[in-house]
Amino acid sequence: MSNIPLRIYHNQRCSKSRAACQLIAEKGVEAEIVDYLKTPPTREELRALLAMLGMKAADLVRRSEAVFKENYAGRSLSDDEWLDALATHPILIERPIAVRGERAVLGRPPEKVLELL
């Protein structure tokens, strides 16, 4: 699997995301780092990531973010509505997400990303 590229959806301001990137670097693995706030995944990319993660869109939502509290707290949204919310407000996407081939893991805790090495 070492010749399959590793991609990490990353937010530099997130300590868990930074820790996951550091773990990968310590293993000598080069990764494509995607600053998903600057280059957010599309709705369809999010759908594909969720399928690889085996998660529903609601499971990927960061509920501590102000945009969640202001716009979504207490609401019951469908999977498609959550996809729209994540695509519209990428800050809501839990991070980091590491992808290699057809596999993805949510780096919570950061050591989870090592499963893809």
PDB file of N, CA and C in Angstrom:
ATOM      1  N   MET A   1       0.810  -1.189   0.000  1.00  0.00           N
ATOM      2  CA  MET A   1       0.000   0.000   0.000  1.00  0.00           C
ATOM      3  C   MET A   1       0.859   1.260   0.000  1.00  0.00           C
ATOM      4  N   SER A   2       2.151   1.137   0.194  1.00  0.00           N
ATOM      5  CA  SER A   2       3.012   2.301   0.334  1.00  0.00           C
ATOM      6  C   SER A   2       3.049   3.172  -0.910  1.00  0.00           C
ATOM      7  N   ASN A   3       2.720   2.619  -2.096  1.00  0.00           N
ATOM      8  CA  ASN A   3       2.742   3.440  -3.300  1.00  0.00           C
ATOM      9  C   ASN A   3       1.415   4.161  -3.534  1.00  0.00           C
ATOM     10  N   ILE A   4       0.422   3.896  -2.708  1.00  0.00           N
ATOM     11  CA  ILE A   4      -0.860   4.587  -2.809  1.00  0.00           C
ATOM     12  C   ILE A   4      -0.749   5.869  -1.992  1.00  0.00           C
ATOM     13  N   PRO A   5      -1.044   7.019  -2.613  1.00  0.00           N
ATOM     14  CA  PRO A   5      -0.885   8.284  -1.891  1.00  0.00           C
ATOM     15  C   PRO A   5      -1.830   8.418  -0.695  1.00  0.00           C
ATOM     16  N   LEU A   6      -1.354   9.142   0.277  1.00  0.00           N
ATOM     17  CA  LEU A   6      -2.122   9.430   1.483  1.00  0.00           C
ATOM     18  C   LEU A   6      -2.548  10.893   1.417  1.00  0.00           C
ATOM     19  N   ARG A   7      -3.815  11.140   1.687  1.00  0.00           N
ATOM     20  CA  ARG A   7      -4.349  12.501   1.711  1.00  0.00           C
ATOM     21  C   ARG A   7      -4.915  12.754   3.098  1.00  0.00           C
ATOM     22  N   ILE A   8      -4.639  13.950   3.634  1.00  0.00           N
ATOM     23  CA  ILE A   8      -5.176  14.333   4.935  1.00  0.00           C
ATOM     24  C   ILE A   8      -5.939  15.644   4.787  1.00  0.00           C
ATOM     25  N   TYR A   9      -7.216  15.600   5.146  1.00  0.00           N
ATOM     26  CA  TYR A   9      -8.018  16.817   5.219  1.00  0.00           C
ATOM     27  C   TYR A   9      -7.706  17.443   6.567  1.00  0.00           C
ATOM     28  N   HIS A  10      -7.112  18.612   6.516  1.00  0.00           N
ATOM     29  CA  HIS A  10      -6.406  19.194   7.655  1.00  0.00           C
ATOM     30  C   HIS A  10      -6.848  20.623   7.919  1.00  0.00           C
ATOM     31  N   ASN A  11      -6.841  20.990   9.203  1.00  0.00           N
ATOM     32  CA  ASN A  11      -7.042  22.371   9.634  1.00  0.00           C
ATOM     33  C   ASN A  11      -5.875  22.705  10.551  1.00  0.00           C
ATOM     34  N   GLN A  12      -5.034  23.611  10.129  1.00  0.00           N
ATOM     35  CA  GLN A  12      -3.816  23.961  10.873  1.00  0.00           C
ATOM     36  C   GLN A  12      -4.117  24.442  12.289  1.00  0.00           C
ATOM     37  N   ARG A  13      -5.292  24.987  12.514  1.00  0.00           N
ATOM     38  CA  ARG A  13      -5.640  25.505  13.844  1.00  0.00           C
ATOM     39  C   ARG A  13      -6.069  24.397  14.807  1.00  0.00           C
ATOM     40  N   CYS A  14      -6.245  23.182  14.309  1.00  0.00           N
ATOM     41  CA  CYS A  14      -6.728  22.068  15.134  1.00  0.00           C
ATOM     42  C   CYS A  14      -5.543  21.246  15.657  1.00  0.00           C
ATOM     43  N   SER A  15      -5.462  21.101  16.973  1.00  0.00           N
ATOM     44  CA  SER A  15      -4.350  20.352  17.567  1.00  0.00           C
ATOM     45  C   SER A  15      -4.373  18.882  17.165  1.00  0.00           C
ATOM     46  N   LYS A  16      -5.546  18.280  17.048  1.00  0.00           N
ATOM     47  CA  LYS A  16      -5.637  16.868  16.644  1.00  0.00           C
ATOM     48  C   LYS A  16      -5.164  16.701  15.202  1.00  0.00           C
ATOM     49  N   SER A  17      -5.516  17.651  14.376  1.00  0.00           N
ATOM     50  CA  SER A  17      -5.112  17.607  12.977  1.00  0.00           C
ATOM     51  C   SER A  17      -3.594  17.766  12.851  1.00  0.00           C
ATOM     52  N   ARG A  18      -3.044  18.709  13.589  1.00  0.00           N
ATOM     53  CA  ARG A  18      -1.574  18.892  13.578  1.00  0.00           C
ATOM     54  C   ARG A  18      -0.866  17.653  14.098  1.00  0.00           C
ATOM     55  N   ALA A  19      -1.412  17.046  15.155  1.00  0.00           N
ATOM     56  CA  ALA A  19      -0.796  15.841  15.723  1.00  0.00           C
ATOM     57  C   ALA A  19      -0.814  14.695  14.719  1.00  0.00           C
ATOM     58  N   ALA A  20      -1.905  14.538  13.979  1.00  0.00           N
ATOM     59  CA  ALA A  20      -1.987  13.470  12.978  1.00  0.00           C
ATOM     60  C   ALA A  20      -0.948  13.689  11.882  1.00  0.00           C
ATOM     61  N   CYS A  21      -0.800  14.922  11.427  1.00  0.00           N
ATOM     62  CA  CYS A  21       0.198  15.216  10.398  1.00  0.00           C
ATOM     63  C   CYS A  21       1.606  14.945  10.911  1.00  0.00           C
ATOM     64  N   GLN A  22       1.847  15.274  12.175  1.00  0.00           N
ATOM     65  CA  GLN A  22       3.158  15.028  12.770  1.00  0.00           C
ATOM     66  C   GLN A  22       3.446  13.526  12.854  1.00  0.00           C
ATOM     67  N   LEU A  23       2.460  12.742  13.248  1.00  0.00           N
ATOM     68  CA  LEU A  23       2.632  11.284  13.316  1.00  0.00           C
ATOM     69  C   LEU A  23       2.998  10.707  11.955  1.00  0.00           C
ATOM     70  N   ILE A  24       2.315  11.173  10.930  1.00  0.00           N
ATOM     71  CA  ILE A  24       2.586  10.700   9.562  1.00  0.00           C
ATOM     72  C   ILE A  24       4.016  11.076   9.163  1.00  0.00           C
ATOM     73  N   ALA A  25       4.400  12.313   9.426  1.00  0.00           N
ATOM     74  CA  ALA A  25       5.744  12.773   9.083  1.00  0.00           C
ATOM     75  C   ALA A  25       6.803  11.974   9.831  1.00  0.00           C
ATOM     76  N   GLU A  26       6.556  11.670  11.113  1.00  0.00           N
ATOM     77  CA  GLU A  26       7.517  10.889  11.905  1.00  0.00           C
ATOM     78  C   GLU A  26       7.705   9.493  11.335  1.00  0.00           C
ATOM     79  N   LYS A  27       6.706   8.975  10.654  1.00  0.00           N
ATOM     80  CA  LYS A  27       6.808   7.653  10.022  1.00  0.00           C
ATOM     81  C   LYS A  27       7.469   7.741   8.652  1.00  0.00           C
ATOM     82  N   GLY A  28       7.824   8.956   8.236  1.00  0.00           N
ATOM     83  CA  GLY A  28       8.493   9.139   6.949  1.00  0.00           C
ATOM     84  C   GLY A  28       7.562   9.025   5.759  1.00  0.00           C
ATOM     85  N   VAL A  29       6.278   9.199   5.999  1.00  0.00           N
ATOM     86  CA  VAL A  29       5.297   9.082   4.928  1.00  0.00           C
ATOM     87  C   VAL A  29       4.940  10.477   4.440  1.00  0.00           C
ATOM     88  N   GLU A  30       5.021  10.660   3.127  1.00  0.00           N
ATOM     89  CA  GLU A  30       4.594  11.925   2.546  1.00  0.00           C
ATOM     90  C   GLU A  30       3.099  11.861   2.328  1.00  0.00           C
ATOM     91  N   ALA A  31       2.442  12.954   2.609  1.00  0.00           N
ATOM     92  CA  ALA A  31       0.998  13.011   2.437  1.00  0.00           C
ATOM     93  C   ALA A  31       0.617  14.290   1.713  1.00  0.00           C
ATOM     94  N   GLU A  32      -0.452  14.210   0.964  1.00  0.00           N
ATOM     95  CA  GLU A  32      -1.045  15.404   0.380  1.00  0.00           C
ATOM     96  C   GLU A  32      -1.893  16.027   1.488  1.00  0.00           C
ATOM     97  N   ILE A  33      -1.555  17.236   1.860  1.00  0.00           N
ATOM     98  CA  ILE A  33      -2.279  17.933   2.921  1.00  0.00           C
ATOM     99  C   ILE A  33      -3.282  18.869   2.258  1.00  0.00           C
ATOM    100  N   VAL A  34      -4.552  18.649   2.557  1.00  0.00           N
ATOM    101  CA  VAL A  34      -5.621  19.476   2.001  1.00  0.00           C
ATOM    102  C   VAL A  34      -6.158  20.372   3.109  1.00  0.00           C
ATOM    103  N   ASP A  35      -5.931  21.663   2.968  1.00  0.00           N
ATOM    104  CA  ASP A  35      -6.510  22.629   3.906  1.00  0.00           C
ATOM    105  C   ASP A  35      -7.971  22.772   3.492  1.00  0.00           C
ATOM    106  N   TYR A  36      -8.824  21.998   4.130  1.00  0.00           N
ATOM    107  CA  TYR A  36     -10.201  21.892   3.666  1.00  0.00           C
ATOM    108  C   TYR A  36     -11.027  23.146   3.916  1.00  0.00           C
ATOM    109  N   LEU A  37     -10.494  24.099   4.680  1.00  0.00           N
ATOM    110  CA  LEU A  37     -11.196  25.374   4.821  1.00  0.00           C
ATOM    111  C   LEU A  37     -10.946  26.259   3.601  1.00  0.00           C
ATOM    112  N   LYS A  38      -9.764  26.124   2.994  1.00  0.00           N
ATOM    113  CA  LYS A  38      -9.438  26.877   1.784  1.00  0.00           C
ATOM    114  C   LYS A  38      -9.901  26.147   0.531  1.00  0.00           C
ATOM    115  N   THR A  39      -9.834  24.821   0.570  1.00  0.00           N
ATOM    116  CA  THR A  39     -10.248  23.993  -0.559  1.00  0.00           C
ATOM    117  C   THR A  39     -11.224  22.949  -0.027  1.00  0.00           C
ATOM    118  N   PRO A  40     -12.469  23.347   0.215  1.00  0.00           N
ATOM    119  CA  PRO A  40     -13.416  22.411   0.825  1.00  0.00           C
ATOM    120  C   PRO A  40     -13.832  21.298  -0.130  1.00  0.00           C
ATOM    121  N   PRO A  41     -14.093  20.118   0.429  1.00  0.00           N
ATOM    122  CA  PRO A  41     -14.592  19.034  -0.417  1.00  0.00           C
ATOM    123  C   PRO A  41     -15.995  19.386  -0.907  1.00  0.00           C
ATOM    124  N   THR A  42     -16.301  18.939  -2.111  1.00  0.00           N
ATOM    125  CA  THR A  42     -17.640  19.144  -2.654  1.00  0.00           C
ATOM    126  C   THR A  42     -18.616  18.233  -1.922  1.00  0.00           C
ATOM    127  N   ARG A  43     -19.868  18.448  -2.181  1.00  0.00           N
ATOM    128  CA  ARG A  43     -20.908  17.612  -1.587  1.00  0.00           C
ATOM    129  C   ARG A  43     -20.691  16.147  -1.958  1.00  0.00           C
ATOM    130  N   GLU A  44     -20.336  15.894  -3.224  1.00  0.00           N
ATOM    131  CA  GLU A  44     -20.110  14.514  -3.672  1.00  0.00           C
ATOM    132  C   GLU A  44     -18.830  13.937  -3.072  1.00  0.00           C
ATOM    133  N   GLU A  45     -17.801  14.747  -2.916  1.00  0.00           N
ATOM    134  CA  GLU A  45     -16.582  14.274  -2.246  1.00  0.00           C
ATOM    135  C   GLU A  45     -16.898  13.925  -0.794  1.00  0.00           C
ATOM    136  N   LEU A  46     -17.716  14.757  -0.144  1.00  0.00           N
ATOM    137  CA  LEU A  46     -18.126  14.452   1.230  1.00  0.00           C
ATOM    138  C   LEU A  46     -18.893  13.136   1.286  1.00  0.00           C
ATOM    139  N   ARG A  47     -19.789  12.917   0.332  1.00  0.00           N
ATOM    140  CA  ARG A  47     -20.557  11.667   0.290  1.00  0.00           C
ATOM    141  C   ARG A  47     -19.610  10.470   0.152  1.00  0.00           C
ATOM    142  N   ALA A  48     -18.599  10.604  -0.698  1.00  0.00           N
ATOM    143  CA  ALA A  48     -17.630   9.517  -0.888  1.00  0.00           C
ATOM    144  C   ALA A  48     -16.808   9.295   0.385  1.00  0.00           C
ATOM    145  N   LEU A  49     -16.380  10.378   1.026  1.00  0.00           N
ATOM    146  CA  LEU A  49     -15.627  10.253   2.280  1.00  0.00           C
ATOM    147  C   LEU A  49     -16.459   9.551   3.344  1.00  0.00           C
ATOM    148  N   LEU A  50     -17.721   9.944   3.466  1.00  0.00           N
ATOM    149  CA  LEU A  50     -18.606   9.324   4.453  1.00  0.00           C
ATOM    150  C   LEU A  50     -18.771   7.836   4.188  1.00  0.00           C
ATOM    151  N   ALA A  51     -18.880   7.456   2.923  1.00  0.00           N
ATOM    152  CA  ALA A  51     -19.002   6.034   2.576  1.00  0.00           C
ATOM    153  C   ALA A  51     -17.743   5.276   3.011  1.00  0.00           C
ATOM    154  N   MET A  52     -16.572   5.863   2.757  1.00  0.00           N
ATOM    155  CA  MET A  52     -15.317   5.212   3.157  1.00  0.00           C
ATOM    156  C   MET A  52     -15.186   5.143   4.671  1.00  0.00           C
ATOM    157  N   LEU A  53     -15.679   6.167   5.349  1.00  0.00           N
ATOM    158  CA  LEU A  53     -15.619   6.208   6.814  1.00  0.00           C
ATOM    159  C   LEU A  53     -16.679   5.322   7.458  1.00  0.00           C
ATOM    160  N   GLY A  54     -17.715   4.967   6.681  1.00  0.00           N
ATOM    161  CA  GLY A  54     -18.827   4.200   7.244  1.00  0.00           C
ATOM    162  C   GLY A  54     -19.628   5.040   8.230  1.00  0.00           C
ATOM    163  N   MET A  55     -19.763   6.316   7.927  1.00  0.00           N
ATOM    164  CA  MET A  55     -20.450   7.251   8.824  1.00  0.00           C
ATOM    165  C   MET A  55     -21.590   7.942   8.104  1.00  0.00           C
ATOM    166  N   LYS A  56     -22.512   8.463   8.890  1.00  0.00           N
ATOM    167  CA  LYS A  56     -23.560   9.333   8.373  1.00  0.00           C
ATOM    168  C   LYS A  56     -23.048  10.771   8.469  1.00  0.00           C
ATOM    169  N   ALA A  57     -23.610  11.639   7.656  1.00  0.00           N
ATOM    170  CA  ALA A  57     -23.161  13.036   7.638  1.00  0.00           C
ATOM    171  C   ALA A  57     -23.255  13.670   9.022  1.00  0.00           C
ATOM    172  N   ALA A  58     -24.315  13.385   9.760  1.00  0.00           N
ATOM    173  CA  ALA A  58     -24.492  13.974  11.094  1.00  0.00           C
ATOM    174  C   ALA A  58     -23.353  13.585  12.035  1.00  0.00           C
ATOM    175  N   ASP A  59     -22.744  12.413  11.808  1.00  0.00           N
ATOM    176  CA  ASP A  59     -21.656  11.938  12.664  1.00  0.00           C
ATOM    177  C   ASP A  59     -20.359  12.720  12.443  1.00  0.00           C
ATOM    178  N   LEU A  60     -20.283  13.441  11.333  1.00  0.00           N
ATOM    179  CA  LEU A  60     -19.067  14.165  10.981  1.00  0.00           C
ATOM    180  C   LEU A  60     -19.144  15.643  11.377  1.00  0.00           C
ATOM    181  N   VAL A  61     -20.237  16.039  11.993  1.00  0.00           N
ATOM    182  CA  VAL A  61     -20.473  17.443  12.330  1.00  0.00           C
ATOM    183  C   VAL A  61     -19.815  17.806  13.662  1.00  0.00           C
ATOM    184  N   ARG A  62     -19.069  18.896  13.633  1.00  0.00           N
ATOM    185  CA  ARG A  62     -18.459  19.450  14.849  1.00  0.00           C
ATOM    186  C   ARG A  62     -19.491  20.323  15.537  1.00  0.00           C
ATOM    187  N   ARG A  63     -20.036  19.831  16.612  1.00  0.00           N
ATOM    188  CA  ARG A  63     -21.103  20.531  17.307  1.00  0.00           C
ATOM    189  C   ARG A  63     -20.629  21.666  18.211  1.00  0.00           C
ATOM    190  N   SER A  64     -19.324  21.775  18.389  1.00  0.00           N
ATOM    191  CA  SER A  64     -18.780  22.846  19.236  1.00  0.00           C
ATOM    192  C   SER A  64     -18.572  24.149  18.467  1.00  0.00           C
ATOM    193  N   GLU A  65     -18.709  24.106  17.161  1.00  0.00           N
ATOM    194  CA  GLU A  65     -18.478  25.304  16.350  1.00  0.00           C
ATOM    195  C   GLU A  65     -19.633  26.300  16.481  1.00  0.00           C
ATOM    196  N   ALA A  66     -19.301  27.579  16.436  1.00  0.00           N
ATOM    197  CA  ALA A  66     -20.312  28.635  16.551  1.00  0.00           C
ATOM    198  C   ALA A  66     -21.378  28.518  15.461  1.00  0.00           C
ATOM    199  N   VAL A  67     -20.957  28.192  14.246  1.00  0.00           N
ATOM    200  CA  VAL A  67     -21.929  28.091  13.150  1.00  0.00           C
ATOM    201  C   VAL A  67     -22.944  26.972  13.412  1.00  0.00           C
ATOM    202  N   PHE A  68     -22.512  25.908  14.078  1.00  0.00           N
ATOM    203  CA  PHE A  68     -23.452  24.855  14.454  1.00  0.00           C
ATOM    204  C   PHE A  68     -24.440  25.388  15.483  1.00  0.00           C
ATOM    205  N   LYS A  69     -23.914  26.011  16.519  1.00  0.00           N
ATOM    206  CA  LYS A  69     -24.758  26.508  17.604  1.00  0.00           C
ATOM    207  C   LYS A  69     -25.763  27.541  17.102  1.00  0.00           C
ATOM    208  N   GLU A  70     -25.323  28.378  16.156  1.00  0.00           N
ATOM    209  CA  GLU A  70     -26.185  29.442  15.648  1.00  0.00           C
ATOM    210  C   GLU A  70     -27.222  28.950  14.640  1.00  0.00           C
ATOM    211  N   ASN A  71     -26.868  27.920  13.866  1.00  0.00           N
ATOM    212  CA  ASN A  71     -27.732  27.526  12.745  1.00  0.00           C
ATOM    213  C   ASN A  71     -28.354  26.144  12.833  1.00  0.00           C
ATOM    214  N   TYR A  72     -27.747  25.236  13.610  1.00  0.00           N
ATOM    215  CA  TYR A  72     -28.189  23.843  13.535  1.00  0.00           C
ATOM    216  C   TYR A  72     -28.529  23.192  14.875  1.00  0.00           C
ATOM    217  N   ALA A  73     -28.109  23.783  15.968  1.00  0.00           N
ATOM    218  CA  ALA A  73     -28.355  23.179  17.284  1.00  0.00           C
ATOM    219  C   ALA A  73     -29.851  22.957  17.483  1.00  0.00           C
ATOM    220  N   GLY A  74     -30.184  21.760  17.948  1.00  0.00           N
ATOM    221  CA  GLY A  74     -31.574  21.423  18.231  1.00  0.00           C
ATOM    222  C   GLY A  74     -32.399  21.052  17.016  1.00  0.00           C
ATOM    223  N   ARG A  75     -31.793  21.081  15.850  1.00  0.00           N
ATOM    224  CA  ARG A  75     -32.520  20.741  14.623  1.00  0.00           C
ATOM    225  C   ARG A  75     -32.274  19.294  14.241  1.00  0.00           C
ATOM    226  N   SER A  76     -33.262  18.688  13.639  1.00  0.00           N
ATOM    227  CA  SER A  76     -33.145  17.321  13.135  1.00  0.00           C
ATOM    228  C   SER A  76     -33.094  17.399  11.610  1.00  0.00           C
ATOM    229  N   LEU A  77     -31.912  17.153  11.060  1.00  0.00           N
ATOM    230  CA  LEU A  77     -31.722  17.265   9.621  1.00  0.00           C
ATOM    231  C   LEU A  77     -31.555  15.885   8.993  1.00  0.00           C
ATOM    232  N   SER A  78     -31.944  15.769   7.744  1.00  0.00           N
ATOM    233  CA  SER A  78     -31.732  14.532   6.988  1.00  0.00           C
ATOM    234  C   SER A  78     -30.255  14.443   6.604  1.00  0.00           C
ATOM    235  N   ASP A  79     -29.833  13.283   6.123  1.00  0.00           N
ATOM    236  CA  ASP A  79     -28.453  13.110   5.698  1.00  0.00           C
ATOM    237  C   ASP A  79     -28.114  14.105   4.587  1.00  0.00           C
ATOM    238  N   ASP A  80     -29.026  14.296   3.640  1.00  0.00           N
ATOM    239  CA  ASP A  80     -28.784  15.250   2.553  1.00  0.00           C
ATOM    240  C   ASP A  80     -28.675  16.675   3.073  1.00  0.00           C
ATOM    241  N   GLU A  81     -29.493  17.030   4.049  1.00  0.00           N
ATOM    242  CA  GLU A  81     -29.422  18.364   4.626  1.00  0.00           C
ATOM    243  C   GLU A  81     -28.104  18.575   5.376  1.00  0.00           C
ATOM    244  N   TRP A  82     -27.635  17.534   6.077  1.00  0.00           N
ATOM    245  CA  TRP A  82     -26.332  17.648   6.741  1.00  0.00           C
ATOM    246  C   TRP A  82     -25.216  17.770   5.712  1.00  0.00           C
ATOM    247  N   LEU A  83     -25.310  17.031   4.603  1.00  0.00           N
ATOM    248  CA  LEU A  83     -24.307  17.164   3.533  1.00  0.00           C
ATOM    249  C   LEU A  83     -24.260  18.599   3.030  1.00  0.00           C
ATOM    250  N   ASP A  84     -25.439  19.188   2.828  1.00  0.00           N
ATOM    251  CA  ASP A  84     -25.493  20.584   2.396  1.00  0.00           C
ATOM    252  C   ASP A  84     -24.831  21.497   3.429  1.00  0.00           C
ATOM    253  N   ALA A  85     -25.100  21.253   4.702  1.00  0.00           N
ATOM    254  CA  ALA A  85     -24.523  22.069   5.774  1.00  0.00           C
ATOM    255  C   ALA A  85     -22.999  21.946   5.792  1.00  0.00           C
ATOM    256  N   LEU A  86     -22.493  20.725   5.657  1.00  0.00           N
ATOM    257  CA  LEU A  86     -21.046  20.505   5.661  1.00  0.00           C
ATOM    258  C   LEU A  86     -20.387  21.146   4.446  1.00  0.00           C
ATOM    259  N   ALA A  87     -21.050  21.074   3.292  1.00  0.00           N
ATOM    260  CA  ALA A  87     -20.498  21.671   2.075  1.00  0.00           C
ATOM    261  C   ALA A  87     -20.527  23.200   2.167  1.00  0.00           C
ATOM    262  N   THR A  88     -21.565  23.737   2.776  1.00  0.00           N
ATOM    263  CA  THR A  88     -21.704  25.185   2.907  1.00  0.00           C
ATOM    264  C   THR A  88     -20.783  25.750   3.979  1.00  0.00           C
ATOM    265  N   HIS A  89     -20.624  25.006   5.066  1.00  0.00           N
ATOM    266  CA  HIS A  89     -19.816  25.451   6.209  1.00  0.00           C
ATOM    267  C   HIS A  89     -18.756  24.391   6.526  1.00  0.00           C
ATOM    268  N   PRO A  90     -17.668  24.343   5.757  1.00  0.00           N
ATOM    269  CA  PRO A  90     -16.668  23.286   5.976  1.00  0.00           C
ATOM    270  C   PRO A  90     -16.055  23.281   7.376  1.00  0.00           C
ATOM    271  N   ILE A  91     -16.154  24.389   8.112  1.00  0.00           N
ATOM    272  CA  ILE A  91     -15.645  24.421   9.490  1.00  0.00           C
ATOM    273  C   ILE A  91     -16.360  23.371  10.341  1.00  0.00           C
ATOM    274  N   LEU A  92     -17.539  22.949   9.903  1.00  0.00           N
ATOM    275  CA  LEU A  92     -18.303  21.940  10.647  1.00  0.00           C
ATOM    276  C   LEU A  92     -17.759  20.521  10.477  1.00  0.00           C
ATOM    277  N   ILE A  93     -16.864  20.317   9.515  1.00  0.00           N
ATOM    278  CA  ILE A  93     -16.342  18.977   9.246  1.00  0.00           C
ATOM    279  C   ILE A  93     -15.347  18.582  10.337  1.00  0.00           C
ATOM    280  N   GLU A  94     -15.619  17.450  10.971  1.00  0.00           N
ATOM    281  CA  GLU A  94     -14.683  16.912  11.975  1.00  0.00           C
ATOM    282  C   GLU A  94     -13.380  16.580  11.276  1.00  0.00           C
ATOM    283  N   ARG A  95     -12.281  16.785  11.978  1.00  0.00           N
ATOM    284  CA  ARG A  95     -10.970  16.578  11.382  1.00  0.00           C
ATOM    285  C   ARG A  95     -10.018  15.965  12.382  1.00  0.00           C
ATOM    286  N   PRO A  96      -8.928  15.440  11.865  1.00  0.00           N
ATOM    287  CA  PRO A  96      -8.544  15.279  10.469  1.00  0.00           C
ATOM    288  C   PRO A  96      -9.170  14.024   9.882  1.00  0.00           C
ATOM    289  N   ILE A  97      -9.272  14.009   8.585  1.00  0.00           N
ATOM    290  CA  ILE A  97      -9.698  12.812   7.864  1.00  0.00           C
ATOM    291  C   ILE A  97      -8.530  12.394   6.984  1.00  0.00           C
ATOM    292  N   ALA A  98      -8.103  11.154   7.129  1.00  0.00           N
ATOM    293  CA  ALA A  98      -7.015  10.617   6.312  1.00  0.00           C
ATOM    294  C   ALA A  98      -7.604   9.606   5.331  1.00  0.00           C
ATOM    295  N   VAL A  99      -7.122   9.673   4.095  1.00  0.00           N
ATOM    296  CA  VAL A  99      -7.637   8.804   3.035  1.00  0.00           C
ATOM    297  C   VAL A  99      -6.465   8.173   2.300  1.00  0.00           C
ATOM    298  N   ARG A 100      -6.580   6.881   2.070  1.00  0.00           N
ATOM    299  CA  ARG A 100      -5.588   6.166   1.258  1.00  0.00           C
ATOM    300  C   ARG A 100      -6.331   5.112   0.471  1.00  0.00           C
ATOM    301  N   GLY A 101      -6.307   5.267  -0.841  1.00  0.00           N
ATOM    302  CA  GLY A 101      -7.048   4.333  -1.686  1.00  0.00           C
ATOM    303  C   GLY A 101      -8.535   4.438  -1.406  1.00  0.00           C
ATOM    304  N   GLU A 102      -9.143   3.311  -1.102  1.00  0.00           N
ATOM    305  CA  GLU A 102     -10.581   3.263  -0.821  1.00  0.00           C
ATOM    306  C   GLU A 102     -10.879   3.259   0.674  1.00  0.00           C
ATOM    307  N   ARG A 103      -9.878   3.564   1.489  1.00  0.00           N
ATOM    308  CA  ARG A 103     -10.054   3.562   2.945  1.00  0.00           C
ATOM    309  C   ARG A 103      -9.882   4.961   3.496  1.00  0.00           C
ATOM    310  N   ALA A 104     -10.631   5.249   4.537  1.00  0.00           N
ATOM    311  CA  ALA A 104     -10.512   6.535   5.214  1.00  0.00           C
ATOM    312  C   ALA A 104     -10.718   6.319   6.705  1.00  0.00           C
ATOM    313  N   VAL A 105     -10.077   7.163   7.506  1.00  0.00           N
ATOM    314  CA  VAL A 105     -10.274   7.146   8.954  1.00  0.00           C
ATOM    315  C   VAL A 105     -10.379   8.579   9.444  1.00  0.00           C
ATOM    316  N   LEU A 106     -11.153   8.731  10.485  1.00  0.00           N
ATOM    317  CA  LEU A 106     -11.221  10.005  11.190  1.00  0.00           C
ATOM    318  C   LEU A 106     -10.143   9.965  12.260  1.00  0.00           C
ATOM    319  N   GLY A 107      -9.250  10.919  12.244  1.00  0.00           N
ATOM    320  CA  GLY A 107      -8.099  10.925  13.153  1.00  0.00           C
ATOM    321  C   GLY A 107      -8.438  11.394  14.554  1.00  0.00           C
ATOM    322  N   ARG A 108      -9.363  10.738  15.172  1.00  0.00           N
ATOM    323  CA  ARG A 108      -9.768  11.013  16.554  1.00  0.00           C
ATOM    324  C   ARG A 108      -9.746   9.702  17.312  1.00  0.00           C
ATOM    325  N   PRO A 109      -8.734   9.392  18.046  1.00  0.00           N
ATOM    326  CA  PRO A 109      -7.537  10.179  18.310  1.00  0.00           C
ATOM    327  C   PRO A 109      -6.616  10.200  17.080  1.00  0.00           C
ATOM    328  N   PRO A 110      -5.627  11.100  17.063  1.00  0.00           N
ATOM    329  CA  PRO A 110      -4.748  11.232  15.903  1.00  0.00           C
ATOM    330  C   PRO A 110      -4.077   9.928  15.476  1.00  0.00           C
ATOM    331  N   GLU A 111      -3.827   9.036  16.433  1.00  0.00           N
ATOM    332  CA  GLU A 111      -3.154   7.759  16.113  1.00  0.00           C
ATOM    333  C   GLU A 111      -3.958   6.900  15.134  1.00  0.00           C
ATOM    334  N   LYS A 112      -5.247   7.169  14.993  1.00  0.00           N
ATOM    335  CA  LYS A 112      -6.084   6.408  14.052  1.00  0.00           C
ATOM    336  C   LYS A 112      -5.539   6.493  12.632  1.00  0.00           C
ATOM    337  N   VAL A 113      -4.872   7.597  12.286  1.00  0.00           N
ATOM    338  CA  VAL A 113      -4.365   7.737  10.919  1.00  0.00           C
ATOM    339  C   VAL A 113      -3.306   6.689  10.611  1.00  0.00           C
ATOM    340  N   LEU A 114      -2.654   6.162  11.640  1.00  0.00           N
ATOM    341  CA  LEU A 114      -1.618   5.146  11.426  1.00  0.00           C
ATOM    342  C   LEU A 114      -2.191   3.854  10.870  1.00  0.00           C
ATOM    343  N   GLU A 115      -3.501   3.664  11.004  1.00  0.00           N
ATOM    344  CA  GLU A 115      -4.160   2.470  10.440  1.00  0.00           C
ATOM    345  C   GLU A 115      -4.022   2.408   8.921  1.00  0.00           C
ATOM    346  N   LEU A 116      -3.771   3.531   8.293  1.00  0.00           N
ATOM    347  CA  LEU A 116      -3.675   3.574   6.833  1.00  0.00           C
ATOM    348  C   LEU A 116      -2.249   3.383   6.327  1.00  0.00           C
ATOM    349  N   LEU A 117      -1.286   3.249   7.225  1.00  0.00           N
ATOM    350  CA  LEU A 117       0.109   3.070   6.804  1.00  0.00           C
ATOM    351  C   LEU A 117       0.440   1.627   6.540  1.00  0.00           C
TER     352      LEU A 117
END
